[in-house]
Amino acid sequence: MLIRRIALTTAAMLLAATSLAGARPDTRTMGCQELQQLIQSRRAVVLTTGPNTYDRYVRQFGIECDWPEVPTSAYVPTRDGSCPVYRCDQAIGDLPD
């Protein structure tokens, strides 16, 4: 009976861990166009970009960034190479208050 309980607990923990790992789309498993369409459709999305890296990516034009951040160019790895995307970052230069 104890072995069965341990096995069920272990299975439940593995299932929970697998579900959490799949919560963020991984840019490395997508094509560039597919990734860009995902960002456009969701307006902003947190994406896995490597084994231990992730970030939030946004549409180029929209209100997804908090002031004073603006969408800035970035590149992420995709199945078909490096893909241009946007993420929120501090604007270069002085912005009026």
C-alpha atoms as a PDB file:
ATOM      1  CA  MET A   1       0.000   0.000   0.000  1.00  0.00           C
ATOM      2  CA  LEU A   2       2.853   2.396   0.839  1.00  0.00           C
ATOM      3  CA  ILE A   3       4.584   1.675  -2.465  1.00  0.00           C
ATOM      4  CA  ARG A   4       1.373   2.427  -4.360  1.00  0.00           C
ATOM      5  CA  ARG A   5       0.970   5.748  -2.523  1.00  0.00           C
ATOM      6  CA  ILE A   6       4.579   6.700  -3.286  1.00  0.00           C
ATOM      7  CA  ALA A   7       4.120   5.788  -6.943  1.00  0.00           C
ATOM      8  CA  LEU A   8       0.938   7.884  -7.216  1.00  0.00           C
ATOM      9  CA  THR A   9       2.578  10.847  -5.489  1.00  0.00           C
ATOM     10  CA  THR A  10       5.603  10.618  -7.788  1.00  0.00           C
ATOM     11  CA  ALA A  11       3.369  10.422 -10.869  1.00  0.00           C
ATOM     12  CA  ALA A  12       1.386  13.465  -9.727  1.00  0.00           C
ATOM     13  CA  MET A  13       4.589  15.452  -9.144  1.00  0.00           C
ATOM     14  CA  LEU A  14       5.945  14.536 -12.584  1.00  0.00           C
ATOM     15  CA  LEU A  15       2.675  15.519 -14.229  1.00  0.00           C
ATOM     16  CA  ALA A  16       2.669  18.879 -12.430  1.00  0.00           C
ATOM     17  CA  ALA A  17       6.301  19.561 -13.376  1.00  0.00           C
ATOM     18  CA  THR A  18       5.644  18.686 -17.021  1.00  0.00           C
ATOM     19  CA  SER A  19       2.626  20.988 -17.124  1.00  0.00           C
ATOM     20  CA  LEU A  20       4.639  23.896 -15.746  1.00  0.00           C
ATOM     21  CA  ALA A  21       7.462  23.312 -18.193  1.00  0.00           C
ATOM     22  CA  GLY A  22       5.059  23.516 -21.118  1.00  0.00           C
ATOM     23  CA  ALA A  23       3.421  26.719 -19.901  1.00  0.00           C
ATOM     24  CA  ARG A  24       5.676  29.028 -21.971  1.00  0.00           C
ATOM     25  CA  PRO A  25       6.031  28.621 -25.730  1.00  0.00           C
ATOM     26  CA  ASP A  26       9.622  27.878 -26.749  1.00  0.00           C
ATOM     27  CA  THR A  27      10.927  30.030 -29.609  1.00  0.00           C
ATOM     28  CA  ARG A  28      13.388  27.301 -30.619  1.00  0.00           C
ATOM     29  CA  THR A  29      10.535  24.979 -31.622  1.00  0.00           C
ATOM     30  CA  MET A  30       8.764  27.538 -33.858  1.00  0.00           C
ATOM     31  CA  GLY A  31       9.389  29.081 -37.231  1.00  0.00           C
ATOM     32  CA  CYS A  32       9.975  32.839 -37.324  1.00  0.00           C
ATOM     33  CA  GLN A  33       6.676  33.653 -39.046  1.00  0.00           C
ATOM     34  CA  GLU A  34       4.759  31.414 -36.617  1.00  0.00           C
ATOM     35  CA  LEU A  35       6.416  33.181 -33.669  1.00  0.00           C
ATOM     36  CA  GLN A  36       5.654  36.653 -35.012  1.00  0.00           C
ATOM     37  CA  GLN A  37       2.001  35.683 -35.579  1.00  0.00           C
ATOM     38  CA  LEU A  38       1.779  34.386 -31.994  1.00  0.00           C
ATOM     39  CA  ILE A  39       3.069  37.689 -30.616  1.00  0.00           C
ATOM     40  CA  GLN A  40       0.693  39.684 -32.825  1.00  0.00           C
ATOM     41  CA  SER A  41      -2.320  37.595 -31.803  1.00  0.00           C
ATOM     42  CA  ARG A  42      -1.574  37.742 -28.061  1.00  0.00           C
ATOM     43  CA  ARG A  43      -0.165  41.313 -28.128  1.00  0.00           C
ATOM     44  CA  ALA A  44       2.399  40.322 -25.459  1.00  0.00           C
ATOM     45  CA  VAL A  45       3.712  36.897 -24.482  1.00  0.00           C
ATOM     46  CA  VAL A  46       6.415  35.419 -22.252  1.00  0.00           C
ATOM     47  CA  LEU A  47       8.573  33.059 -24.313  1.00  0.00           C
ATOM     48  CA  THR A  48      11.289  30.559 -23.498  1.00  0.00           C
ATOM     49  CA  THR A  49      14.377  31.388 -25.571  1.00  0.00           C
ATOM     50  CA  GLY A  50      16.911  28.896 -24.210  1.00  0.00           C
ATOM     51  CA  PRO A  51      17.433  26.219 -21.569  1.00  0.00           C
ATOM     52  CA  ASN A  52      17.393  28.776 -18.731  1.00  0.00           C
ATOM     53  CA  THR A  53      16.217  31.985 -20.416  1.00  0.00           C
ATOM     54  CA  TYR A  54      12.902  33.675 -21.093  1.00  0.00           C
ATOM     55  CA  ASP A  55      11.557  37.166 -21.681  1.00  0.00           C
ATOM     56  CA  ARG A  56       8.370  39.058 -22.505  1.00  0.00           C
ATOM     57  CA  TYR A  57       7.898  40.030 -26.152  1.00  0.00           C
ATOM     58  CA  VAL A  58       5.360  42.504 -27.537  1.00  0.00           C
ATOM     59  CA  ARG A  59       3.875  43.869 -30.766  1.00  0.00           C
ATOM     60  CA  GLN A  60       5.781  46.749 -32.326  1.00  0.00           C
ATOM     61  CA  PHE A  61       2.857  49.159 -32.109  1.00  0.00           C
ATOM     62  CA  GLY A  62       0.567  49.015 -29.091  1.00  0.00           C
ATOM     63  CA  ILE A  63       0.284  49.843 -25.430  1.00  0.00           C
ATOM     64  CA  GLU A  64       1.894  46.704 -24.035  1.00  0.00           C
ATOM     65  CA  CYS A  65       4.897  48.559 -22.572  1.00  0.00           C
ATOM     66  CA  ASP A  66       4.688  50.652 -19.399  1.00  0.00           C
ATOM     67  CA  TRP A  67       5.931  54.244 -19.552  1.00  0.00           C
ATOM     68  CA  PRO A  68       8.761  55.138 -20.105  1.00  0.00           C
ATOM     69  CA  GLU A  69       9.554  51.837 -21.827  1.00  0.00           C
ATOM     70  CA  VAL A  70       9.006  51.391 -25.555  1.00  0.00           C
ATOM     71  CA  PRO A  71       9.140  48.392 -27.907  1.00  0.00           C
ATOM     72  CA  THR A  72      12.771  47.862 -28.959  1.00  0.00           C
ATOM     73  CA  SER A  73      14.223  45.423 -31.468  1.00  0.00           C
ATOM     74  CA  ALA A  74      15.488  42.060 -30.289  1.00  0.00           C
ATOM     75  CA  TYR A  75      16.346  38.734 -31.898  1.00  0.00           C
ATOM     76  CA  VAL A  76      15.438  35.281 -30.603  1.00  0.00           C
ATOM     77  CA  PRO A  77      16.478  31.829 -31.802  1.00  0.00           C
ATOM     78  CA  THR A  78      13.868  29.964 -33.844  1.00  0.00           C
ATOM     79  CA  ARG A  79      13.758  26.676 -35.701  1.00  0.00           C
ATOM     80  CA  ASP A  80      14.702  28.466 -38.935  1.00  0.00           C
ATOM     81  CA  GLY A  81      17.356  30.855 -37.585  1.00  0.00           C
ATOM     82  CA  SER A  82      17.306  34.153 -35.736  1.00  0.00           C
ATOM     83  CA  CYS A  83      13.981  36.013 -35.677  1.00  0.00           C
ATOM     84  CA  PRO A  84      13.391  39.768 -35.205  1.00  0.00           C
ATOM     85  CA  VAL A  85      10.896  40.585 -32.426  1.00  0.00           C
ATOM     86  CA  TYR A  86      10.241  43.418 -29.947  1.00  0.00           C
ATOM     87  CA  ARG A  87      10.505  43.644 -26.169  1.00  0.00           C
ATOM     88  CA  CYS A  88       9.907  46.508 -23.751  1.00  0.00           C
ATOM     89  CA  ASP A  89      13.019  48.468 -22.840  1.00  0.00           C
ATOM     90  CA  GLN A  90      14.094  51.979 -21.869  1.00  0.00           C
ATOM     91  CA  ALA A  91      14.092  54.359 -24.815  1.00  0.00           C
ATOM     92  CA  ILE A  92      17.444  55.592 -26.054  1.00  0.00           C
ATOM     93  CA  GLY A  93      17.909  59.305 -25.457  1.00  0.00           C
ATOM     94  CA  ASP A  94      15.853  61.731 -23.368  1.00  0.00           C
ATOM     95  CA  LEU A  95      12.088  61.574 -23.404  1.00  0.00           C
ATOM     96  CA  PRO A  96       9.937  64.479 -22.296  1.00  0.00           C
ATOM     97  CA  ASP A  97       8.241  64.064 -18.917  1.00  0.00           C
END
